Structure formats: C-alpha cells, structure tokens
Amino acid sequence: MRSRSLLFLAACLAVLFWSFALSAAEKPAQLTLSCDLPGHLAKTGQEVTVNLHLSQDGRALADAPLLWLIEGHASVFGYRRGKTDASGNLTIRTKLDRPGFLRILAVYKSGKPGEKEIQKRIGIAVDPEKIVSARPKPADFDAYWDGEIAAMKKMPLRAEVSRVEVANPNYRERVDMYDVKINTPGDRPFVYGYLCIPKNAAPKSLPIMMSYQGAGFRSSVQTLFLASLGRMVLDINAHGLPNGKSREFYAEADRKNSDYRYRGSDRRDTIYFRSMILRAVRALQYMKSRPEWDGRTILVSGGSQGGGQALAVAGLDPDVTFCFAGVPALADHGGVLAGRQSGWPQILKTAERAGFPAKPEACDYVDAVFFASRIKHAECLLSVGFFDFVCAPDSVYAAYNAIPSKNKKIIHDVNSDHTMPLATHLAGQKAGTEHIRTAASGR
C-alpha cells in the first residue's frame, strides 16, 4: 500500500515537473524596438533607424516574420513585412521630409495555435517645434468667440447648490462638497459639477481649480484630495448631465449620444463641442463669483478631451493663470487634409465614415490650436505621447507651438501612447501646486 502511495506521489511530481518545464518552454516571445536618437528627436530629412529585436526565453528568434506599420504622414504611411536575421534583429530605415512625428507599430505572430499576437510601438519626433496647424485660423475666430462669451455673461448667473455628504472619513472633517447646477446657453441649459471646498474657508482665501473630463459619459468626480490641499475645485460633467445617477443612466446617455463626436459638424453654431466649451467657461464664471476666490489664481486642467477644454477655457478667459493639458484632444482638426492624423476625435474622418456632413470651416471654430493661440500670459504645461494613436502627437504639438505665452513647457512621454504615465500626472500636480505657492507669495 505504501509503495502504491509512493508511486502515486512520484507520478504527481513528474506531472508537475513537466508542467513547469512546458510552461517555461512556452514563454511568450519578447519584441523590443529601439532607436539611437537622443530623446527620440530627429531633424527634417534625417534618416531614422529603428532596431527590432525578437527573442524567446533569452534566445534570439531568427528568420521570424514581422509586420510593421509606419505612420506620421501620407508620404511614409504603409505596411511592410520582413524577417529577422540570425541574431533576431531587423532594421527599419525611414525619414520624414517635414516637421511631424514618425510612429511605428511592429507586430509578431508565430502562427502557433493559441499564441497571442505581440505588438510594440515607438515614436520619433521630427523638428516638433516647427509643427503648425494644417489650416489657418479663421479671420473672425476671435470676434466670434468674444461675442459668444459676452452674450453668455449677459445671461443672469443662477446656480443651485446642494450639500453632499462626504463619505470618505479621511476628508469628512476637512472638506465640504456640493452638487452644483448652473444655467448655461445652448441645447443643454445646465452644467453640473461637484464642488469641493476646504471647511471654514475665509472670503478671498482660495485659488480656483477647474477639472474637465475626458471622453465618455459619467458623473462628475469628487475632488476631495485636491480641495484638502487648500483650493476650491469644481469638476464638471462634460455633457451637461446630472451627477450621481446610476451606471445604467450614463450608459444609456452614451448610447443615445454615440455620434456626439461629429454631430452638427457642418456649421460652427451646431457643432457639438461649441456648447461643451461654453459650459466649461460658464462653470468658471460661476466659480469666479464665489466669495472664497482669492481674486488672482485660476488653474484649469484636464486630459484628452478634458485637456482640449482646458486649452479652450485658458484661451477664452484671460483671468486663467495656469493650464495643464495632458495629451489634449480637439486640436488640428484639419490635419487629415494635410496628410497627417488629426487630433481626437478626428471629426472629418469619423463623420465621413458615418455618413454625416462635416466641414473643415465649422471644425476650425472648436480647434484647440486656435484657442491656444489666445493664451498670452498663463503658465502652460502640456504632455505628448510619442506614439499616441488617439490624440496624435502632431496635433498636440500644433497646439503647444501656437501658445504665445513665454511660460510654457511640454512633457515628452517618449515611451507612451494615449495613457498618461503616473509621473506625468504627478508633474502636473506639482506644477499646479508650485504655481499656487508662487502666486500666493506675490512673485
């Protein structure tokens, strides 16, 4: 009986051993992309060399098929195929004859049953400081938006403010929170947000911080931590929807408005983002009316669609003193007409696919590049993902280069797509905190 038990145990150990051995033998392949350009920066017309290396379990994979896509401009766009050499390497050589970004997506698939495809990306900037909008700014852009803002200011400001219980015990004794509903012009007559303020704030004691949302449909965010740092913070819903509803409510709103990215894009007065931008400005008008505002410091911030809104508000309200726009959207809508990818949501391209009429002349009036051109004095911090396939890096740089303010910086996320790294988020927070400290000291 004992011998049978020992045999059974030995058999189990053998199965485990071979399972581990099999698992080790089937480790997925590793694909790496690299270039020797410092900072991934090149000059116009300079040959760019990108090295691909394929290995598995520390062993080079020779004669392995690779597929890659080169993007950046129509002149270089295309799929290519090749095979690795005896050392598991493959070299790609390309160049761009104009300022812009080269983005390479490499793909490996062994063809073995059940083995997943491997994808890796790399991005190279080519004279990015020379990238400009694909289209000229409309001659009446400033007059149009100045008129829109002036008309909105004439509308009596009405806000419904309801206290909301702070559920988080870490902030319950430090922060007050309110659900705010503010009247606005347009097809959605209200902007909704959660306002968070340090408890017992004195009049004229706090900087304003506006938080704008990325794409999608959701409730406003409870910015308790930021308020605990000594600022009054308003995070608004991008679509004029009430806060605190069920997940199903926002999912249904998303379903009903799936076309919002290109809705009404044949006229400047009906394009969807016009009213979104007006709501963003209106929310700031309300915050400036609050007695707690210190009267001098206003921060606007957001990522992606929120970054586009932040640039728009900073351009439309000269009282804004700081703007953080992470991988901002809504820039260079006409880029596709110049042979490159437009910024999200690529209105002209997506509208055409959906059978909607869209005109570049209408999109120009909600282009973050042209709003950015109005930011004369505010401190600005932007970020760009070098192989961002959503908010194309060309479009981000077109907006950055348009900013006339001398106090501006851009974070190069060389190894990033549209997902902002934690370090970039922290850099934005640090810059905002330093801006508040400097403003408070009067320097």
Protein backbone atom coordinates (compact mmCIF):
# COMPACT_ATOMS: atom_id res chain seq x y z
CA MET A 1 0.00 0.00 0.00
CA ARG A 2 2.86 2.29 0.93
CA SER A 3 4.63 1.56 -2.37
CA ARG A 4 1.48 2.46 -4.29
CA SER A 5 1.28 5.78 -2.44
CA LEU A 6 4.91 6.49 -3.22
CA LEU A 7 4.37 5.65 -6.89
CA PHE A 8 1.31 7.93 -6.99
CA LEU A 9 3.30 10.75 -5.39
CA ALA A 10 6.14 10.26 -7.84
CA ALA A 11 3.71 10.37 -10.74
CA CYS A 12 2.19 13.64 -9.44
CA LEU A 13 5.64 15.17 -9.03
CA ALA A 14 6.53 14.11 -12.56
CA VAL A 15 3.40 15.74 -13.93
CA LEU A 16 4.18 18.94 -12.03
CA PHE A 17 7.78 18.90 -13.26
CA TRP A 18 6.79 18.52 -16.88
CA SER A 19 4.06 21.15 -16.47
CA PHE A 20 6.61 23.64 -15.21
CA ALA A 21 9.06 22.65 -17.92
CA LEU A 22 6.39 23.03 -20.57
CA SER A 23 5.38 26.39 -19.12
CA ALA A 24 9.00 27.58 -19.23
CA ALA A 25 9.40 26.37 -22.82
CA GLU A 26 6.28 28.23 -23.84
CA LYS A 27 7.21 31.63 -22.51
CA PRO A 28 5.94 34.28 -24.90
CA ALA A 29 8.34 35.88 -27.32
CA GLN A 30 9.82 39.29 -26.47
CA LEU A 31 9.79 42.07 -29.08
CA THR A 32 11.72 45.28 -28.45
CA LEU A 33 12.01 48.45 -30.53
CA SER A 34 14.77 50.98 -30.08
CA CYS A 35 16.43 53.91 -31.79
CA ASP A 36 19.73 55.63 -31.03
CA LEU A 37 18.41 59.19 -31.34
CA PRO A 38 18.74 61.10 -28.05
CA GLY A 39 15.27 61.86 -26.79
CA HIS A 40 13.84 60.27 -29.95
CA LEU A 41 14.35 63.62 -31.71
CA ALA A 42 15.27 63.91 -35.39
CA LYS A 43 15.67 66.64 -37.97
CA THR A 44 13.66 67.06 -41.15
CA GLY A 45 15.05 64.77 -43.84
CA GLN A 46 17.31 62.88 -41.40
CA GLU A 47 17.34 59.12 -41.80
CA VAL A 48 15.84 57.42 -38.77
CA THR A 49 16.99 53.93 -37.86
CA VAL A 50 14.77 51.74 -35.68
CA ASN A 51 16.04 48.37 -34.49
CA LEU A 52 13.68 45.49 -33.79
CA HIS A 53 14.83 42.52 -31.74
CA LEU A 54 12.87 39.30 -31.25
CA SER A 55 13.73 36.68 -28.68
CA GLN A 56 12.15 33.94 -26.61
CA ASP A 57 13.38 32.76 -23.25
CA GLY A 58 16.69 34.58 -23.83
CA ARG A 59 17.22 33.02 -27.25
CA ALA A 60 17.20 35.10 -30.44
CA LEU A 61 14.46 34.16 -32.91
CA ALA A 62 15.95 34.02 -36.39
CA ASP A 63 14.05 34.11 -39.68
CA ALA A 64 10.87 35.15 -37.84
CA PRO A 65 8.21 37.10 -39.77
CA LEU A 66 7.45 40.68 -38.67
CA LEU A 67 4.86 43.13 -39.88
CA TRP A 68 5.13 46.86 -39.22
CA LEU A 69 3.12 49.98 -39.92
CA ILE A 70 4.74 53.38 -40.39
CA GLU A 71 2.60 56.44 -39.70
CA GLY A 72 3.19 60.16 -39.43
CA HIS A 73 2.33 61.46 -42.87
CA ALA A 74 0.78 60.11 -46.04
CA SER A 75 4.23 60.19 -47.65
CA VAL A 76 5.52 57.44 -45.32
CA PHE A 77 2.31 55.63 -44.41
CA GLY A 78 2.19 51.93 -45.16
CA TYR A 79 2.60 48.34 -44.03
CA ARG A 80 5.86 46.49 -44.56
CA ARG A 81 6.99 42.93 -43.96
CA GLY A 82 10.33 41.35 -43.23
CA LYS A 83 12.17 38.64 -41.30
CA THR A 84 14.68 38.76 -38.50
CA ASP A 85 18.32 37.87 -39.19
CA ALA A 86 20.36 35.20 -37.43
CA SER A 87 20.65 37.42 -34.34
CA GLY A 88 16.90 38.02 -34.15
CA ASN A 89 17.26 41.58 -35.43
CA LEU A 90 15.55 43.62 -38.12
CA THR A 91 16.37 47.22 -39.02
CA ILE A 92 13.86 49.77 -40.27
CA ARG A 93 15.10 52.92 -42.01
CA THR A 94 12.80 55.80 -42.79
CA LYS A 95 12.63 59.59 -42.70
CA LEU A 96 10.17 62.45 -42.76
CA ASP A 97 10.67 65.37 -45.14
CA ARG A 98 8.66 67.79 -43.00
CA PRO A 99 8.16 68.52 -39.28
CA GLY A 100 5.99 65.89 -37.61
CA PHE A 101 6.08 62.53 -35.87
CA LEU A 102 7.01 59.09 -37.12
CA ARG A 103 5.15 56.27 -35.37
CA ILE A 104 5.95 52.63 -35.92
CA LEU A 105 3.77 49.72 -34.86
CA ALA A 106 5.53 46.34 -35.10
CA VAL A 107 3.65 43.05 -34.93
CA TYR A 108 4.84 39.47 -34.43
CA LYS A 109 2.71 36.34 -34.54
CA SER A 110 4.32 32.92 -34.55
CA GLY A 111 1.34 31.13 -36.03
CA LYS A 112 1.35 28.56 -33.25
CA PRO A 113 -2.15 27.60 -32.06
CA GLY A 114 -3.26 29.69 -29.11
CA GLU A 115 -0.24 32.01 -29.15
CA LYS A 116 -1.18 35.66 -28.93
CA GLU A 117 -0.01 38.37 -31.28
CA ILE A 118 2.68 40.67 -29.88
CA GLN A 119 2.59 44.41 -30.63
CA LYS A 120 5.16 47.09 -29.80
CA ARG A 121 5.31 50.77 -30.72
CA ILE A 122 7.87 53.53 -30.97
CA GLY A 123 7.64 57.22 -31.83
CA ILE A 124 10.17 59.74 -33.14
CA ALA A 125 9.66 63.50 -33.26
CA VAL A 126 10.94 65.33 -36.32
CA ASP A 127 11.53 69.04 -35.65
CA PRO A 128 8.39 69.12 -33.45
CA GLU A 129 8.88 72.78 -32.51
CA LYS A 130 8.15 73.64 -36.16
CA ILE A 131 4.77 71.85 -36.39
CA VAL A 132 1.92 74.23 -37.16
CA SER A 133 -1.82 73.87 -37.74
CA ALA A 134 -2.81 72.41 -41.06
CA ARG A 135 -5.33 75.21 -41.54
CA PRO A 136 -5.19 78.96 -40.98
CA LYS A 137 -7.08 80.46 -38.07
CA PRO A 138 -10.42 81.89 -39.25
CA ALA A 139 -10.22 85.65 -39.64
CA ASP A 140 -13.22 86.13 -37.34
CA PHE A 141 -12.36 83.40 -34.81
CA ASP A 142 -11.60 85.84 -32.01
CA ALA A 143 -14.57 88.07 -32.80
CA TYR A 144 -16.91 85.07 -32.90
CA TRP A 145 -15.86 83.68 -29.54
CA ASP A 146 -15.60 87.07 -27.87
CA GLY A 147 -19.20 87.61 -28.94
CA GLU A 148 -20.29 84.21 -27.58
CA ILE A 149 -18.66 84.85 -24.20
CA ALA A 150 -20.03 88.40 -23.98
CA ALA A 151 -23.55 87.12 -24.69
CA MET A 152 -23.20 84.44 -22.03
CA LYS A 153 -22.01 86.97 -19.46
CA LYS A 154 -25.20 88.96 -20.03
CA MET A 155 -27.25 85.92 -19.02
CA PRO A 156 -28.01 86.22 -15.28
CA LEU A 157 -25.95 83.63 -13.42
CA ARG A 158 -28.12 81.19 -11.49
CA ALA A 159 -26.77 78.24 -9.56
CA GLU A 160 -28.48 75.59 -7.47
CA VAL A 161 -26.06 74.40 -4.79
CA SER A 162 -26.85 71.32 -2.68
CA ARG A 163 -24.61 69.95 0.02
CA VAL A 164 -23.45 66.36 -0.49
CA GLU A 165 -22.31 64.17 2.37
CA VAL A 166 -18.60 63.38 2.25
CA ALA A 167 -18.46 59.62 2.66
CA ASN A 168 -14.68 59.33 2.83
CA PRO A 169 -13.70 59.60 6.52
CA ASN A 170 -10.26 60.94 5.59
CA TYR A 171 -11.83 64.16 4.30
CA ARG A 172 -15.13 64.43 6.17
CA GLU A 173 -13.74 66.88 8.73
CA ARG A 174 -11.65 68.83 6.23
CA VAL A 175 -13.72 69.33 3.07
CA ASP A 176 -17.26 70.40 2.22
CA MET A 177 -18.77 69.07 -1.01
CA TYR A 178 -21.67 70.40 -3.08
CA ASP A 179 -23.62 69.31 -6.15
CA VAL A 180 -23.82 72.41 -8.37
CA LYS A 181 -26.23 73.08 -11.23
CA ILE A 182 -25.52 76.23 -13.27
CA ASN A 183 -27.61 77.73 -16.07
CA THR A 184 -25.96 77.96 -19.47
CA PRO A 185 -26.90 78.84 -23.04
CA GLY A 186 -27.29 76.15 -25.67
CA ASP A 187 -29.27 72.99 -26.22
CA ARG A 188 -28.36 71.65 -22.74
CA PRO A 189 -29.29 74.51 -20.44
CA PHE A 190 -27.28 73.42 -17.41
CA VAL A 191 -23.74 72.47 -16.45
CA TYR A 192 -23.37 70.13 -13.48
CA GLY A 193 -20.39 69.63 -11.24
CA TYR A 194 -19.15 68.57 -7.85
CA LEU A 195 -17.62 71.46 -5.93
CA CYS A 196 -15.17 70.67 -3.14
CA ILE A 197 -14.03 73.40 -0.72
CA PRO A 198 -11.89 73.31 2.43
CA LYS A 199 -14.06 73.68 5.52
CA ASN A 200 -14.45 77.15 7.01
CA ALA A 201 -12.69 78.84 4.09
CA ALA A 202 -12.44 82.60 4.56
CA PRO A 203 -13.50 85.07 1.87
CA LYS A 204 -10.86 85.75 -0.79
CA SER A 205 -8.63 82.95 0.51
CA LEU A 206 -8.69 80.21 -2.12
CA PRO A 207 -7.41 79.66 -5.66
CA ILE A 208 -9.84 78.22 -8.21
CA MET A 209 -9.14 74.89 -9.84
CA MET A 210 -11.30 73.68 -12.73
CA SER A 211 -11.25 70.00 -13.67
CA TYR A 212 -12.51 68.95 -17.12
CA GLN A 213 -13.35 65.40 -18.18
CA GLY A 214 -12.13 63.18 -20.97
CA ALA A 215 -14.36 61.39 -23.46
CA GLY A 216 -17.30 59.35 -22.26
CA PHE A 217 -20.41 59.82 -20.15
CA ARG A 218 -20.13 59.80 -16.38
CA SER A 219 -20.86 61.73 -13.22
CA SER A 220 -18.55 64.48 -12.04
CA VAL A 221 -15.58 63.50 -9.90
CA GLN A 222 -15.31 64.19 -6.18
CA THR A 223 -12.01 66.06 -5.97
CA LEU A 224 -11.65 65.77 -2.19
CA PHE A 225 -7.88 65.35 -2.13
CA LEU A 226 -7.22 68.44 -4.26
CA ALA A 227 -9.56 70.51 -2.10
CA SER A 228 -7.75 69.30 1.02
CA LEU A 229 -4.61 70.97 -0.36
CA GLY A 230 -6.24 74.37 0.07
CA ARG A 231 -8.09 75.13 -3.16
CA MET A 232 -11.72 75.15 -4.26
CA VAL A 233 -12.16 72.63 -7.03
CA LEU A 234 -15.01 72.16 -9.49
CA ASP A 235 -15.10 69.05 -11.66
CA ILE A 236 -17.83 69.35 -14.28
CA ASN A 237 -19.68 66.82 -16.35
CA ALA A 238 -18.66 67.33 -19.98
CA HIS A 239 -22.15 66.77 -21.39
CA GLY A 240 -24.50 68.75 -19.18
CA LEU A 241 -25.80 65.66 -17.37
CA PRO A 242 -26.80 65.49 -13.69
CA ASN A 243 -24.45 63.91 -11.18
CA GLY A 244 -24.82 60.85 -9.01
CA LYS A 245 -27.04 58.81 -11.32
CA SER A 246 -26.82 55.08 -11.89
CA ARG A 247 -24.32 53.40 -14.15
CA GLU A 248 -27.20 52.47 -16.42
CA PHE A 249 -28.20 56.14 -16.72
CA TYR A 250 -24.81 57.16 -18.09
CA ALA A 251 -24.57 54.06 -20.28
CA GLU A 252 -27.90 54.99 -21.84
CA ALA A 253 -26.73 58.58 -22.36
CA ASP A 254 -23.63 57.21 -24.06
CA ARG A 255 -25.75 55.02 -26.33
CA LYS A 256 -28.06 57.88 -27.31
CA ASN A 257 -25.15 60.22 -27.99
CA SER A 258 -22.69 57.91 -29.67
CA ASP A 259 -22.47 60.37 -32.56
CA TYR A 260 -21.60 63.40 -30.43
CA ARG A 261 -18.02 63.48 -31.69
CA TYR A 262 -19.13 64.65 -35.11
CA ARG A 263 -22.71 65.79 -34.53
CA GLY A 264 -23.64 69.09 -36.21
CA SER A 265 -20.16 69.47 -37.65
CA ASP A 266 -21.28 71.19 -40.83
CA ARG A 267 -21.89 74.54 -39.06
CA ARG A 268 -20.00 76.38 -36.35
CA ASP A 269 -23.17 77.11 -34.38
CA THR A 270 -24.29 73.48 -34.24
CA ILE A 271 -21.02 71.58 -33.80
CA TYR A 272 -21.29 69.67 -30.52
CA PHE A 273 -18.09 70.91 -28.91
CA ARG A 274 -19.21 74.53 -29.13
CA SER A 275 -21.76 74.04 -26.34
CA MET A 276 -19.34 71.87 -24.37
CA ILE A 277 -16.80 74.70 -24.40
CA LEU A 278 -19.44 77.25 -23.42
CA ARG A 279 -20.40 75.07 -20.44
CA ALA A 280 -16.75 74.85 -19.42
CA VAL A 281 -16.41 78.64 -19.48
CA ARG A 282 -19.75 79.14 -17.71
CA ALA A 283 -18.64 76.89 -14.86
CA LEU A 284 -15.59 79.10 -14.39
CA GLN A 285 -17.78 82.21 -14.43
CA TYR A 286 -19.68 80.74 -11.52
CA MET A 287 -16.50 79.91 -9.60
CA LYS A 288 -15.26 83.49 -10.03
CA SER A 289 -18.48 84.70 -8.43
CA ARG A 290 -17.86 82.77 -5.22
CA PRO A 291 -16.67 84.81 -2.23
CA GLU A 292 -13.85 82.35 -1.39
CA TRP A 293 -11.90 83.07 -4.59
CA ASP A 294 -8.65 84.90 -3.88
CA GLY A 295 -9.21 87.06 -6.95
CA ARG A 296 -5.90 86.23 -8.62
CA THR A 297 -5.29 82.47 -9.18
CA ILE A 298 -7.16 80.18 -11.57
CA LEU A 299 -6.00 76.75 -12.64
CA VAL A 300 -7.66 74.75 -15.43
CA SER A 301 -6.76 71.13 -16.06
CA GLY A 302 -7.77 68.00 -17.90
CA GLY A 303 -6.58 65.12 -20.02
CA SER A 304 -7.53 64.22 -23.59
CA GLN A 305 -10.97 65.79 -24.21
CA GLY A 306 -10.52 67.49 -20.83
CA GLY A 307 -7.17 68.84 -21.99
CA GLY A 308 -8.82 70.31 -25.06
CA GLN A 309 -11.40 72.01 -22.86
CA ALA A 310 -8.66 73.35 -20.58
CA LEU A 311 -6.87 74.95 -23.54
CA ALA A 312 -10.15 76.42 -24.77
CA VAL A 313 -11.01 77.96 -21.41
CA ALA A 314 -7.48 79.27 -20.91
CA GLY A 315 -7.76 80.93 -24.31
CA LEU A 316 -11.22 82.35 -23.73
CA ASP A 317 -10.79 83.68 -20.18
CA PRO A 318 -7.70 85.88 -19.69
CA ASP A 319 -8.05 85.51 -15.91
CA VAL A 320 -6.75 81.92 -16.13
CA THR A 321 -3.22 81.82 -14.72
CA PHE A 322 -2.29 78.13 -15.14
CA CYS A 323 -3.27 75.43 -17.64
CA PHE A 324 -2.37 71.76 -17.50
CA ALA A 325 -3.45 69.86 -20.63
CA GLY A 326 -2.38 66.22 -20.74
CA VAL A 327 -2.36 64.69 -24.25
CA PRO A 328 -5.02 67.25 -25.24
CA ALA A 329 -7.70 66.45 -27.80
CA LEU A 330 -9.65 68.73 -30.16
CA ALA A 331 -6.52 70.01 -31.91
CA ASP A 332 -5.66 70.34 -35.60
CA HIS A 333 -8.97 69.07 -36.97
CA GLY A 334 -7.71 69.83 -40.47
CA GLY A 335 -4.62 67.65 -40.10
CA VAL A 336 -6.16 64.91 -42.20
CA LEU A 337 -6.38 67.37 -45.10
CA ALA A 338 -2.62 67.85 -44.89
CA GLY A 339 -1.86 64.14 -44.99
CA ARG A 340 -1.49 63.54 -41.26
CA GLN A 341 -3.74 62.33 -38.46
CA SER A 342 -5.98 64.94 -36.89
CA GLY A 343 -6.36 65.14 -33.15
CA TRP A 344 -9.18 63.29 -31.44
CA PRO A 345 -11.98 62.86 -32.38
CA GLN A 346 -10.78 63.15 -36.00
CA ILE A 347 -14.10 64.80 -36.79
CA LEU A 348 -13.78 64.98 -40.56
CA LYS A 349 -12.74 61.34 -40.88
CA THR A 350 -15.25 59.86 -38.44
CA ALA A 351 -18.11 61.95 -39.82
CA GLU A 352 -17.38 60.81 -43.34
CA ARG A 353 -17.36 57.16 -42.26
CA ALA A 354 -20.71 57.60 -40.52
CA GLY A 355 -22.29 59.43 -43.45
CA PHE A 356 -22.56 62.76 -41.61
CA PRO A 357 -21.82 66.08 -43.29
CA ALA A 358 -18.83 67.82 -41.77
CA LYS A 359 -16.96 70.89 -42.92
CA PRO A 360 -13.45 71.97 -42.00
CA GLU A 361 -14.68 75.57 -41.82
CA ALA A 362 -17.01 74.59 -38.96
CA CYS A 363 -14.43 72.47 -37.13
CA ASP A 364 -11.99 75.39 -37.14
CA TYR A 365 -14.13 77.17 -34.55
CA VAL A 366 -13.62 74.41 -31.95
CA ASP A 367 -9.94 73.77 -32.69
CA ALA A 368 -7.72 73.78 -29.60
CA VAL A 369 -4.87 75.16 -31.70
CA PHE A 370 -6.73 78.41 -32.23
CA PHE A 371 -7.84 78.64 -28.60
CA ALA A 372 -4.21 78.06 -27.60
CA SER A 373 -3.17 80.99 -29.79
CA ARG A 374 -5.09 83.26 -27.38
CA ILE A 375 -3.17 82.17 -24.24
CA LYS A 376 -0.90 85.16 -23.85
CA HIS A 377 0.19 85.09 -20.23
CA ALA A 378 -0.94 81.94 -18.40
CA GLU A 379 1.61 79.33 -17.36
CA CYS A 380 1.03 76.24 -19.51
CA LEU A 381 2.12 72.63 -19.13
CA LEU A 382 1.20 70.10 -21.82
CA SER A 383 2.15 66.47 -22.33
CA VAL A 384 2.53 64.45 -25.51
CA GLY A 385 2.72 60.70 -26.06
CA PHE A 386 5.22 59.99 -28.82
CA PHE A 387 3.19 57.09 -30.23
CA ASP A 388 -0.27 58.27 -29.24
CA PHE A 389 -2.74 56.87 -31.78
CA VAL A 390 -5.71 58.79 -30.29
CA CYS A 391 -4.52 62.36 -29.81
CA ALA A 392 -1.84 62.35 -32.49
CA PRO A 393 1.39 63.92 -31.21
CA ASP A 394 1.49 66.19 -34.27
CA SER A 395 -1.82 67.74 -33.19
CA VAL A 396 -0.64 68.22 -29.60
CA TYR A 397 2.48 69.99 -30.76
CA ALA A 398 0.49 72.15 -33.16
CA ALA A 399 -1.46 73.41 -30.13
CA TYR A 400 1.66 73.80 -27.99
CA ASN A 401 3.53 75.78 -30.64
CA ALA A 402 0.54 78.10 -31.06
CA ILE A 403 0.68 79.27 -27.42
CA PRO A 404 2.23 82.76 -27.32
CA SER A 405 2.82 82.70 -23.55
CA LYS A 406 6.53 82.55 -22.77
CA ASN A 407 5.87 80.49 -19.65
CA LYS A 408 5.16 77.13 -21.24
CA LYS A 409 6.59 73.62 -21.15
CA ILE A 410 5.76 70.26 -22.68
CA ILE A 411 6.44 66.83 -21.22
CA HIS A 412 7.80 64.28 -23.70
CA ASP A 413 6.36 60.87 -22.85
CA VAL A 414 8.65 59.10 -25.29
CA ASN A 415 7.51 55.60 -24.35
CA SER A 416 3.80 56.34 -24.06
CA ASP A 417 0.64 56.13 -26.09
CA HIS A 418 -2.58 57.88 -25.02
CA THR A 419 -2.24 56.63 -21.46
CA MET A 420 -0.60 59.34 -19.38
CA PRO A 421 2.09 57.86 -17.11
CA LEU A 422 1.77 58.42 -13.38
CA ALA A 423 4.88 60.58 -13.50
CA THR A 424 3.12 62.98 -15.86
CA HIS A 425 0.07 63.22 -13.62
CA LEU A 426 2.36 63.95 -10.68
CA ALA A 427 4.30 66.53 -12.68
CA GLY A 428 1.04 68.32 -13.47
CA GLN A 429 0.04 68.32 -9.79
CA LYS A 430 3.47 69.55 -8.72
CA ALA A 431 3.46 72.36 -11.27
CA GLY A 432 -0.02 73.46 -10.18
CA THR A 433 0.98 73.44 -6.51
CA GLU A 434 4.12 75.44 -7.23
CA HIS A 435 2.08 77.91 -9.28
CA ILE A 436 -0.30 78.47 -6.36
CA ARG A 437 2.60 78.89 -3.94
CA THR A 438 4.32 81.41 -6.18
CA ALA A 439 1.10 83.35 -6.75
CA ALA A 440 0.44 83.46 -3.01
CA SER A 441 3.91 84.84 -2.36
CA GLY A 442 3.31 87.63 -4.86
CA ARG A 443 6.26 86.71 -7.08
